[in-house]
């Protein structure tokens, strides 16, 4: 391994900063972790092992093989940092076994060369995160802390009746509402978060908000959440995911009770998630949630097309300017080519009272669709975004909040769901 790493150059080191003769570089990192978790590093090469351990200071256990650590399991949460030698199929099979039998164990794989195949295989095996060289010490420490926060303090016991009552599965499917636009900056995420919070406060069944902008999703930031799990964690366990597990992966927005599944923390993970996987995940969420709101990116790809096809309602958000209207018109034409029923579509005009010499009626006539909501321009919106508190909570009496509350009302009290189309995709693939 020393030869492969070329004196650790793959990890951003040189002969002066680290070598067996010079010794382990000093670090001021604090090894204490959330949940009282322990920390261990594993690699067959002692020099690599020592280097990884040095990133965290004292008190880090180091092992030459993964099997040596198993005697420590069951004594409390532990984060295991796996070196490059642990990327073999046999070691990843061990990680997969740990994931199914030891929820108090979280693993991170450090690799000298990150490939798509390795990333996909590692995540499917249950590795929580993959970090490639050169190592950023702050990123590594933050990743360890984040994973430690999400570990089980003790092994889970079978859920009793009181726990199962909180996850009611009655055989009906929750209403799937996708928020979409063909132009960035139109107000999609503001619409998604406010609609979801409003529904969560008024619905008897759980309401779930999923951030499907897998590269640069903002839902967690706009709700001021610090999620322990993201869409990646759900997709990586998709083959064994059940209602209780997906429920546990959600982050709760305390003020409204909204359940949130945020976008991945690293944009690179977006390429590892397919449309079919997202649909499978959403179908599972629909089994216990009354409404599922999906915040989409402002472009068409496999994930977007797959989710639009299975949506009960599609909210198109448009700003009151010519580029926005032009892009929405093109988006409507694309949705028509996909044979998505017109009755599924709901237009939201954002900043609808802006003095930009565009008449709302003329816009609706041009798009051949009547707006379901006119959201006025208001300084409360950017203020609420910066505060991480949706307008329907922070400025409940504002015109913007009233517009979102009225929009939410369209999907409550037995509002009809458009008939699902069985026609498959005819465009983009």
Protein backbone atom coordinates (compact mmCIF):
# COMPACT_ATOMS: atom_id res chain seq x y z
CA UNK A 1 0.00 0.00 0.00
CA UNK A 2 2.87 2.41 0.73
CA UNK A 3 4.15 1.89 -2.79
CA UNK A 4 0.64 2.33 -4.24
CA UNK A 5 0.14 5.58 -2.38
CA UNK A 6 3.57 6.85 -3.43
CA UNK A 7 4.63 8.04 0.01
CA UNK A 8 1.04 9.11 0.77
CA UNK A 9 0.93 11.66 -2.04
CA UNK A 10 -2.56 10.40 -2.85
CA UNK A 11 -3.59 11.62 0.60
CA UNK A 12 -2.00 15.02 0.14
CA UNK A 13 1.14 14.24 2.19
CA UNK A 14 4.80 14.51 1.41
CA UNK A 15 7.89 12.93 2.90
CA UNK A 16 8.43 15.85 5.29
CA UNK A 17 4.92 15.95 6.72
CA UNK A 18 4.74 12.21 7.30
CA UNK A 19 7.03 9.25 7.11
CA UNK A 20 7.79 6.35 9.47
CA UNK A 21 10.91 8.21 10.61
CA UNK A 22 9.29 11.59 11.17
CA UNK A 23 6.29 10.09 12.93
CA UNK A 24 2.62 10.95 13.12
CA UNK A 25 1.83 14.63 12.56
CA UNK A 26 0.25 16.42 15.48
CA UNK A 27 -3.38 17.48 15.32
CA UNK A 28 -5.64 19.49 17.57
CA UNK A 29 -8.78 17.60 16.55
CA UNK A 30 -11.11 16.65 19.38
CA UNK A 31 -11.86 12.90 19.24
CA UNK A 32 -15.03 13.15 21.36
CA UNK A 33 -18.09 12.20 19.33
CA UNK A 34 -21.87 12.59 19.67
CA UNK A 35 -23.81 9.74 21.32
CA UNK A 36 -20.64 8.84 23.25
CA UNK A 37 -19.50 6.97 20.14
CA UNK A 38 -16.09 5.36 19.94
CA UNK A 39 -13.83 5.72 16.92
CA UNK A 40 -11.69 3.13 15.18
CA UNK A 41 -9.61 2.96 12.00
CA UNK A 42 -8.89 -0.16 9.97
CA UNK A 43 -6.31 -0.78 7.26
CA UNK A 44 -3.90 -3.60 6.54
CA UNK A 45 -1.03 -1.12 6.17
CA UNK A 46 0.18 0.16 9.54
CA UNK A 47 1.50 3.44 8.12
CA UNK A 48 -1.87 4.24 6.53
CA UNK A 49 -3.59 3.17 9.76
CA UNK A 50 -1.42 5.50 11.83
CA UNK A 51 -1.99 8.37 9.45
CA UNK A 52 -5.77 8.00 9.55
CA UNK A 53 -5.74 7.75 13.34
CA UNK A 54 -3.59 10.88 13.55
CA UNK A 55 -6.40 12.96 12.03
CA UNK A 56 -8.39 12.64 15.25
CA UNK A 57 -5.81 12.89 18.04
CA UNK A 58 -5.53 10.37 20.87
CA UNK A 59 -7.99 7.70 21.90
CA UNK A 60 -8.54 6.12 18.48
CA UNK A 61 -8.47 2.35 18.20
CA UNK A 62 -6.50 0.97 15.24
CA UNK A 63 -6.87 -2.50 13.75
CA UNK A 64 -5.25 -4.34 10.88
CA UNK A 65 -8.46 -6.18 9.97
CA UNK A 66 -12.18 -5.66 10.33
CA UNK A 67 -12.61 -8.89 12.23
CA UNK A 68 -10.48 -7.60 15.11
CA UNK A 69 -13.11 -4.94 15.84
CA UNK A 70 -16.13 -7.19 16.18
CA UNK A 71 -15.37 -7.98 19.81
CA UNK A 72 -16.01 -4.28 20.51
CA UNK A 73 -19.51 -4.34 18.99
CA UNK A 74 -22.48 -4.26 21.31
CA UNK A 75 -20.71 -1.97 23.80
CA UNK A 76 -22.13 1.23 22.33
CA UNK A 77 -22.02 3.29 19.10
CA UNK A 78 -18.80 3.16 17.11
CA UNK A 79 -17.67 4.85 13.89
CA UNK A 80 -15.21 2.80 11.84
CA UNK A 81 -12.99 4.57 9.31
CA UNK A 82 -11.91 2.02 6.70
CA UNK A 83 -8.70 2.58 4.78
CA UNK A 84 -8.14 1.80 1.08
CA UNK A 85 -7.27 -1.84 1.75
CA UNK A 86 -10.85 -2.40 2.97
CA UNK A 87 -12.42 -1.71 -0.43
CA UNK A 88 -12.29 -5.39 -1.41
CA UNK A 89 -15.54 -7.30 -2.08
CA UNK A 90 -15.02 -9.47 1.00
CA UNK A 91 -14.58 -6.47 3.31
CA UNK A 92 -17.59 -4.70 1.82
CA UNK A 93 -19.57 -7.90 2.38
CA UNK A 94 -18.54 -7.63 6.03
CA UNK A 95 -19.82 -4.03 6.10
CA UNK A 96 -23.13 -5.23 4.68
CA UNK A 97 -23.39 -7.82 7.47
CA UNK A 98 -22.62 -5.16 10.07
CA UNK A 99 -25.29 -2.90 8.63
CA UNK A 100 -27.99 -5.53 9.04
CA UNK A 101 -26.96 -6.80 12.48
CA UNK A 102 -25.24 -3.88 14.23
CA UNK A 103 -27.08 -0.55 13.83
CA UNK A 104 -24.74 0.98 16.40
CA UNK A 105 -21.86 0.70 13.87
CA UNK A 106 -21.29 3.33 11.17
CA UNK A 107 -18.61 3.00 8.50
CA UNK A 108 -16.70 5.46 6.35
CA UNK A 109 -14.51 4.33 3.47
CA UNK A 110 -11.38 6.33 2.62
CA UNK A 111 -10.05 5.53 -0.83
CA UNK A 112 -7.07 6.70 -2.85
CA UNK A 113 -9.13 6.54 -6.07
CA UNK A 114 -12.90 6.99 -6.16
CA UNK A 115 -14.72 5.33 -9.04
CA UNK A 116 -18.42 5.19 -9.81
CA UNK A 117 -18.45 1.42 -9.36
CA UNK A 118 -16.72 1.59 -5.97
CA UNK A 119 -19.03 4.35 -4.73
CA UNK A 120 -22.14 2.47 -5.80
CA UNK A 121 -20.94 -0.84 -4.33
CA UNK A 122 -19.89 0.76 -1.03
CA UNK A 123 -23.19 2.61 -0.53
CA UNK A 124 -25.21 -0.49 -1.34
CA UNK A 125 -23.17 -2.42 1.21
CA UNK A 126 -24.14 0.09 3.89
CA UNK A 127 -21.08 2.36 4.00
CA UNK A 128 -22.35 5.72 5.24
CA UNK A 129 -19.92 7.87 3.27
CA UNK A 130 -16.96 7.56 0.91
CA UNK A 131 -14.09 10.06 1.02
CA UNK A 132 -11.38 10.20 -1.62
CA UNK A 133 -7.79 11.44 -1.36
CA UNK A 134 -6.36 13.92 -0.75
CA UNK A 135 -7.97 13.96 2.69
CA UNK A 136 -9.48 17.15 4.04
CA UNK A 137 -9.14 16.76 7.81
CA UNK A 138 -12.07 19.06 8.60
CA UNK A 139 -14.32 17.20 6.16
CA UNK A 140 -13.27 13.86 7.63
CA UNK A 141 -13.91 14.97 11.22
CA UNK A 142 -17.27 16.51 10.29
CA UNK A 143 -18.30 13.34 8.48
CA UNK A 144 -17.39 11.18 11.46
CA UNK A 145 -19.37 13.46 13.77
CA UNK A 146 -22.42 13.44 11.50
CA UNK A 147 -22.45 9.67 11.26
CA UNK A 148 -21.92 9.28 15.01
CA UNK A 149 -24.99 11.46 15.62
CA UNK A 150 -27.17 9.08 13.67
CA UNK A 151 -26.06 5.82 15.25
CA UNK A 152 -28.30 3.78 17.49
CA UNK A 153 -27.28 4.00 21.14
CA UNK A 154 -28.44 0.46 21.66
CA UNK A 155 -29.62 -2.36 19.46
CA UNK A 156 -33.25 -1.93 18.47
CA UNK A 157 -35.90 -4.05 20.13
CA UNK A 158 -38.98 -5.22 18.25
CA UNK A 159 -41.42 -2.35 18.09
CA UNK A 160 -44.25 -2.56 20.59
CA UNK A 161 -47.84 -1.63 19.81
CA UNK A 162 -47.36 1.98 20.88
CA UNK A 163 -44.52 2.48 18.39
CA UNK A 164 -46.31 0.75 15.54
CA UNK A 165 -49.40 2.86 16.11
CA UNK A 166 -47.36 5.90 15.06
CA UNK A 167 -46.75 4.35 11.62
CA UNK A 168 -50.22 3.55 10.38
CA UNK A 169 -50.35 1.58 7.12
CA UNK A 170 -53.98 1.37 5.97
CA UNK A 171 -53.49 0.18 2.39
CA UNK A 172 -54.23 3.55 0.78
CA UNK A 173 -51.63 5.59 -1.10
CA UNK A 174 -50.71 9.09 -0.01
CA UNK A 175 -51.23 11.92 -2.47
CA UNK A 176 -48.01 12.64 -4.39
CA UNK A 177 -47.50 16.33 -5.24
CA UNK A 178 -44.44 17.35 -7.27
CA UNK A 179 -43.23 20.96 -7.32
CA UNK A 180 -41.58 21.70 -10.64
CA UNK A 181 -40.38 24.55 -12.81
CA UNK A 182 -38.32 24.80 -15.96
CA UNK A 183 -36.35 27.80 -14.69
CA UNK A 184 -34.20 28.11 -11.58
CA UNK A 185 -34.99 30.86 -9.10
CA UNK A 186 -38.72 30.72 -9.76
CA UNK A 187 -39.58 29.91 -6.13
CA UNK A 188 -39.96 26.12 -6.23
CA UNK A 189 -38.34 25.38 -2.88
CA UNK A 190 -40.21 28.24 -1.19
CA UNK A 191 -43.45 26.81 -2.57
CA UNK A 192 -42.53 23.23 -1.58
CA UNK A 193 -41.56 24.05 2.00
CA UNK A 194 -44.52 26.34 2.68
CA UNK A 195 -47.04 23.97 1.10
CA UNK A 196 -45.60 21.00 3.01
CA UNK A 197 -45.61 22.83 6.35
CA UNK A 198 -49.15 24.04 5.79
CA UNK A 199 -50.37 20.53 4.95
CA UNK A 200 -48.50 19.03 7.91
CA UNK A 201 -50.28 21.38 10.32
CA UNK A 202 -53.71 20.59 8.89
CA UNK A 203 -53.53 16.92 7.92
CA UNK A 204 -54.46 14.03 10.19
CA UNK A 205 -51.95 11.71 8.51
CA UNK A 206 -48.16 12.26 8.24
CA UNK A 207 -46.91 14.66 5.58
CA UNK A 208 -43.49 14.02 4.02
CA UNK A 209 -41.29 16.45 2.09
CA UNK A 210 -38.64 14.83 -0.15
CA UNK A 211 -35.86 16.92 -1.68
CA UNK A 212 -35.33 15.43 -5.15
CA UNK A 213 -32.91 18.17 -6.20
CA UNK A 214 -30.21 15.61 -5.59
CA UNK A 215 -27.25 17.84 -6.45
CA UNK A 216 -28.04 21.15 -4.77
CA UNK A 217 -31.20 20.74 -2.71
CA UNK A 218 -32.03 23.53 -0.24
CA UNK A 219 -34.97 22.10 1.69
CA UNK A 220 -32.96 21.33 4.85
CA UNK A 221 -31.48 24.85 4.88
CA UNK A 222 -34.83 26.52 4.29
CA UNK A 223 -36.32 24.64 7.25
CA UNK A 224 -33.23 25.15 9.43
CA UNK A 225 -32.71 21.41 9.85
CA UNK A 226 -29.56 19.49 10.67
CA UNK A 227 -30.41 16.10 9.16
CA UNK A 228 -28.67 12.91 10.21
CA UNK A 229 -29.88 11.04 7.14
CA UNK A 230 -30.55 11.91 3.50
CA UNK A 231 -32.01 10.33 0.38
CA UNK A 232 -28.70 8.52 -0.11
CA UNK A 233 -29.13 6.59 3.14
CA UNK A 234 -32.57 5.44 2.05
CA UNK A 235 -31.50 4.45 -1.47
CA UNK A 236 -28.42 2.59 -0.20
CA UNK A 237 -30.69 0.36 1.90
CA UNK A 238 -33.51 0.12 -0.61
CA UNK A 239 -33.45 -3.67 -0.93
CA UNK A 240 -34.18 -4.12 2.78
CA UNK A 241 -36.03 -0.88 3.48
CA UNK A 242 -39.38 -1.13 5.23
CA UNK A 243 -41.87 1.38 6.62
CA UNK A 244 -40.27 1.53 10.06
CA UNK A 245 -36.78 2.04 8.62
CA UNK A 246 -37.77 4.81 6.22
CA UNK A 247 -39.72 6.48 9.03
CA UNK A 248 -36.55 6.48 11.16
CA UNK A 249 -34.53 8.08 8.35
CA UNK A 250 -36.77 11.15 8.34
CA UNK A 251 -35.85 14.43 10.03
CA UNK A 252 -38.76 16.02 11.90
CA UNK A 253 -39.52 19.73 11.57
CA UNK A 254 -40.50 20.35 15.17
CA UNK A 255 -42.72 23.40 14.60
CA UNK A 256 -45.04 21.65 12.18
CA UNK A 257 -44.47 17.91 12.56
CA UNK A 258 -43.46 17.72 8.89
CA UNK A 259 -41.24 14.73 8.05
CA UNK A 260 -38.33 15.60 5.74
CA UNK A 261 -35.97 13.47 3.67
CA UNK A 262 -33.27 15.92 2.49
CA UNK A 263 -31.06 15.82 -0.58
CA UNK A 264 -27.56 14.25 -0.39
CA UNK A 265 -24.87 16.33 1.26
CA UNK A 266 -22.44 15.65 -1.60
CA UNK A 267 -23.53 16.48 -5.20
CA UNK A 268 -21.56 13.51 -6.53
CA UNK A 269 -24.09 11.10 -5.00
CA UNK A 270 -26.81 12.35 -7.37
CA UNK A 271 -25.41 10.32 -10.26
CA UNK A 272 -25.78 7.13 -8.25
CA UNK A 273 -29.57 7.44 -7.83
CA UNK A 274 -31.90 6.34 -10.61
CA UNK A 275 -35.47 7.30 -11.34
CA UNK A 276 -36.67 3.75 -10.66
CA UNK A 277 -35.02 3.80 -7.23
CA UNK A 278 -36.66 7.12 -6.34
CA UNK A 279 -40.07 5.82 -7.41
CA UNK A 280 -39.59 2.68 -5.31
CA UNK A 281 -38.70 4.83 -2.30
CA UNK A 282 -41.67 7.16 -2.82
CA UNK A 283 -44.07 4.23 -3.14
CA UNK A 284 -42.95 3.04 0.28
CA UNK A 285 -43.45 6.52 1.75
CA UNK A 286 -46.94 6.66 0.22
CA UNK A 287 -47.93 3.60 2.24
CA UNK A 288 -47.96 5.58 5.50
CA UNK A 289 -48.07 9.28 4.56
CA UNK A 290 -51.18 11.23 3.62
CA UNK A 291 -49.32 13.71 1.40
CA UNK A 292 -45.84 13.54 -0.13
CA UNK A 293 -44.38 16.78 -1.47
CA UNK A 294 -41.39 16.49 -3.83
CA UNK A 295 -39.14 19.47 -4.55
CA UNK A 296 -37.72 18.97 -8.05
CA UNK A 297 -34.73 20.50 -9.86
CA UNK A 298 -35.42 22.89 -12.73
CA UNK A 299 -34.55 20.48 -15.55
CA UNK A 300 -35.64 17.17 -17.02
CA UNK A 301 -33.66 14.03 -16.19
CA UNK A 302 -34.44 10.40 -15.44
CA UNK A 303 -35.36 11.05 -11.79
CA UNK A 304 -37.58 14.03 -12.63
CA UNK A 305 -39.37 12.25 -15.49
CA UNK A 306 -39.95 9.12 -13.42
CA UNK A 307 -41.42 11.08 -10.50
CA UNK A 308 -43.57 13.31 -12.72
CA UNK A 309 -45.09 10.23 -14.34
CA UNK A 310 -46.28 8.81 -11.00
CA UNK A 311 -47.34 12.12 -9.44
CA UNK A 312 -50.99 12.74 -8.60
CA UNK A 313 -50.49 16.50 -8.93
CA UNK A 314 -47.78 18.66 -10.50
CA UNK A 315 -47.41 22.26 -9.36
CA UNK A 316 -45.68 24.41 -11.97
CA UNK A 317 -44.08 27.51 -10.46
CA UNK A 318 -43.46 30.52 -12.68
CA UNK A 319 -42.19 34.01 -12.04
CA UNK A 320 -43.88 36.91 -13.78
CA UNK A 321 -41.22 37.61 -16.39
CA UNK A 322 -40.81 36.70 -20.05
CA UNK A 323 -38.00 34.07 -19.63
CA UNK A 324 -40.02 32.31 -16.91
CA UNK A 325 -43.21 32.26 -18.97
CA UNK A 326 -41.35 31.08 -22.08
CA UNK A 327 -39.75 28.19 -20.16
CA UNK A 328 -43.03 27.20 -18.52
CA UNK A 329 -44.68 27.09 -21.94
CA UNK A 330 -41.92 24.78 -23.19
CA UNK A 331 -42.29 22.70 -20.03
CA UNK A 332 -46.03 22.34 -20.61
CA UNK A 333 -45.36 21.17 -24.17
CA UNK A 334 -42.91 18.57 -22.86
CA UNK A 335 -45.40 17.33 -20.26
CA UNK A 336 -47.99 17.01 -23.03
CA UNK A 337 -45.57 14.82 -25.00
CA UNK A 338 -45.28 12.65 -21.90
CA UNK A 339 -49.08 12.24 -21.95
CA UNK A 340 -49.41 13.68 -18.46
CA UNK A 341 -53.08 14.64 -18.02
CA UNK A 342 -53.74 18.37 -18.04
CA UNK A 343 -55.93 18.07 -14.93
CA UNK A 344 -52.88 17.07 -12.89
CA UNK A 345 -51.24 20.45 -13.50
CA UNK A 346 -51.57 23.44 -11.17
CA UNK A 347 -49.93 26.76 -12.04
CA UNK A 348 -48.51 28.96 -9.28
CA UNK A 349 -47.59 32.49 -10.32
CA UNK A 350 -44.90 33.81 -8.02
CA UNK A 351 -44.50 37.56 -7.38
CA UNK A 352 -47.80 37.90 -9.24
CA UNK A 353 -48.33 41.52 -8.22
CA UNK A 354 -44.95 42.73 -9.46
CA UNK A 355 -45.19 45.92 -11.53
CA UNK A 356 -43.47 44.48 -14.60
CA UNK A 357 -46.12 45.35 -17.22
CA UNK A 358 -47.24 41.74 -17.57
CA UNK A 359 -50.95 41.08 -17.07
CA UNK A 360 -51.75 37.92 -15.12
CA UNK A 361 -54.75 37.23 -17.33
CA UNK A 362 -52.66 37.46 -20.47
CA UNK A 363 -50.07 35.08 -18.97
CA UNK A 364 -52.79 32.54 -18.15
CA UNK A 365 -54.16 32.89 -21.68
CA UNK A 366 -50.71 32.38 -23.19
CA UNK A 367 -50.08 29.27 -21.11
CA UNK A 368 -53.68 28.05 -21.58
CA UNK A 369 -53.95 27.26 -17.89
CA UNK A 370 -55.54 29.18 -15.05
CA UNK A 371 -53.34 29.86 -12.04
CA UNK A 372 -54.19 27.92 -8.89
CA UNK A 373 -52.43 30.51 -6.73
CA UNK A 374 -51.14 34.07 -7.09
CA UNK A 375 -48.27 34.56 -4.64
CA UNK A 376 -47.60 38.26 -4.12
CA UNK A 377 -44.17 39.83 -3.92
CA UNK A 378 -43.21 40.43 -0.30
CA UNK A 379 -39.96 41.08 1.58
CA UNK A 380 -41.11 38.51 4.14
CA UNK A 381 -40.11 35.74 1.72
CA UNK A 382 -36.32 36.37 1.59
CA UNK A 383 -36.40 37.14 5.32
CA UNK A 384 -38.09 33.81 6.04
CA UNK A 385 -35.60 31.97 3.83
CA UNK A 386 -32.66 33.50 5.68
CA UNK A 387 -34.26 32.68 9.05
CA UNK A 388 -35.03 29.10 8.02
CA UNK A 389 -38.68 29.59 8.96
CA UNK A 390 -41.40 29.26 6.28
CA UNK A 391 -43.66 32.26 5.72
CA UNK A 392 -46.74 30.32 6.85
CA UNK A 393 -45.10 30.17 10.29
CA UNK A 394 -43.03 33.36 10.55
CA UNK A 395 -45.50 35.74 8.83
CA UNK A 396 -48.78 33.87 9.03
CA UNK A 397 -50.91 36.97 8.36
CA UNK A 398 -49.05 38.04 5.23
CA UNK A 399 -50.52 37.80 1.74
CA UNK A 400 -47.86 35.24 0.81
CA UNK A 401 -48.83 32.97 3.70
CA UNK A 402 -52.52 33.23 2.81
CA UNK A 403 -51.74 32.27 -0.79
CA UNK A 404 -49.88 29.14 0.30
CA UNK A 405 -52.59 28.21 2.82
CA UNK A 406 -55.22 28.49 0.08
CA UNK A 407 -53.06 26.36 -2.21
CA UNK A 408 -52.78 23.71 0.51
CA UNK A 409 -56.55 23.72 0.85
CA UNK A 410 -56.87 22.41 -2.70
CA UNK A 411 -55.27 19.15 -1.59
CA UNK A 412 -57.25 18.66 1.63
CA UNK A 413 -60.79 17.66 2.56
CA UNK A 414 -61.20 15.02 -0.09
CA UNK A 415 -60.01 17.13 -3.01
CA UNK A 416 -60.08 14.86 -6.10
CA UNK A 417 -56.95 13.24 -7.44
CA UNK A 418 -56.46 13.24 -11.20
CA UNK A 419 -56.87 9.84 -12.80
CA UNK A 420 -53.52 8.13 -13.17
CA UNK A 421 -52.29 7.68 -16.72
CA UNK A 422 -50.99 4.27 -17.76
CA UNK A 423 -49.23 5.66 -20.82
CA UNK A 424 -45.49 5.25 -20.58
CA UNK A 425 -42.88 7.85 -21.40
CA UNK A 426 -42.58 8.93 -25.02
CA UNK A 427 -39.94 11.59 -24.66
CA UNK A 428 -36.45 11.85 -23.13
CA UNK A 429 -35.74 8.16 -23.20
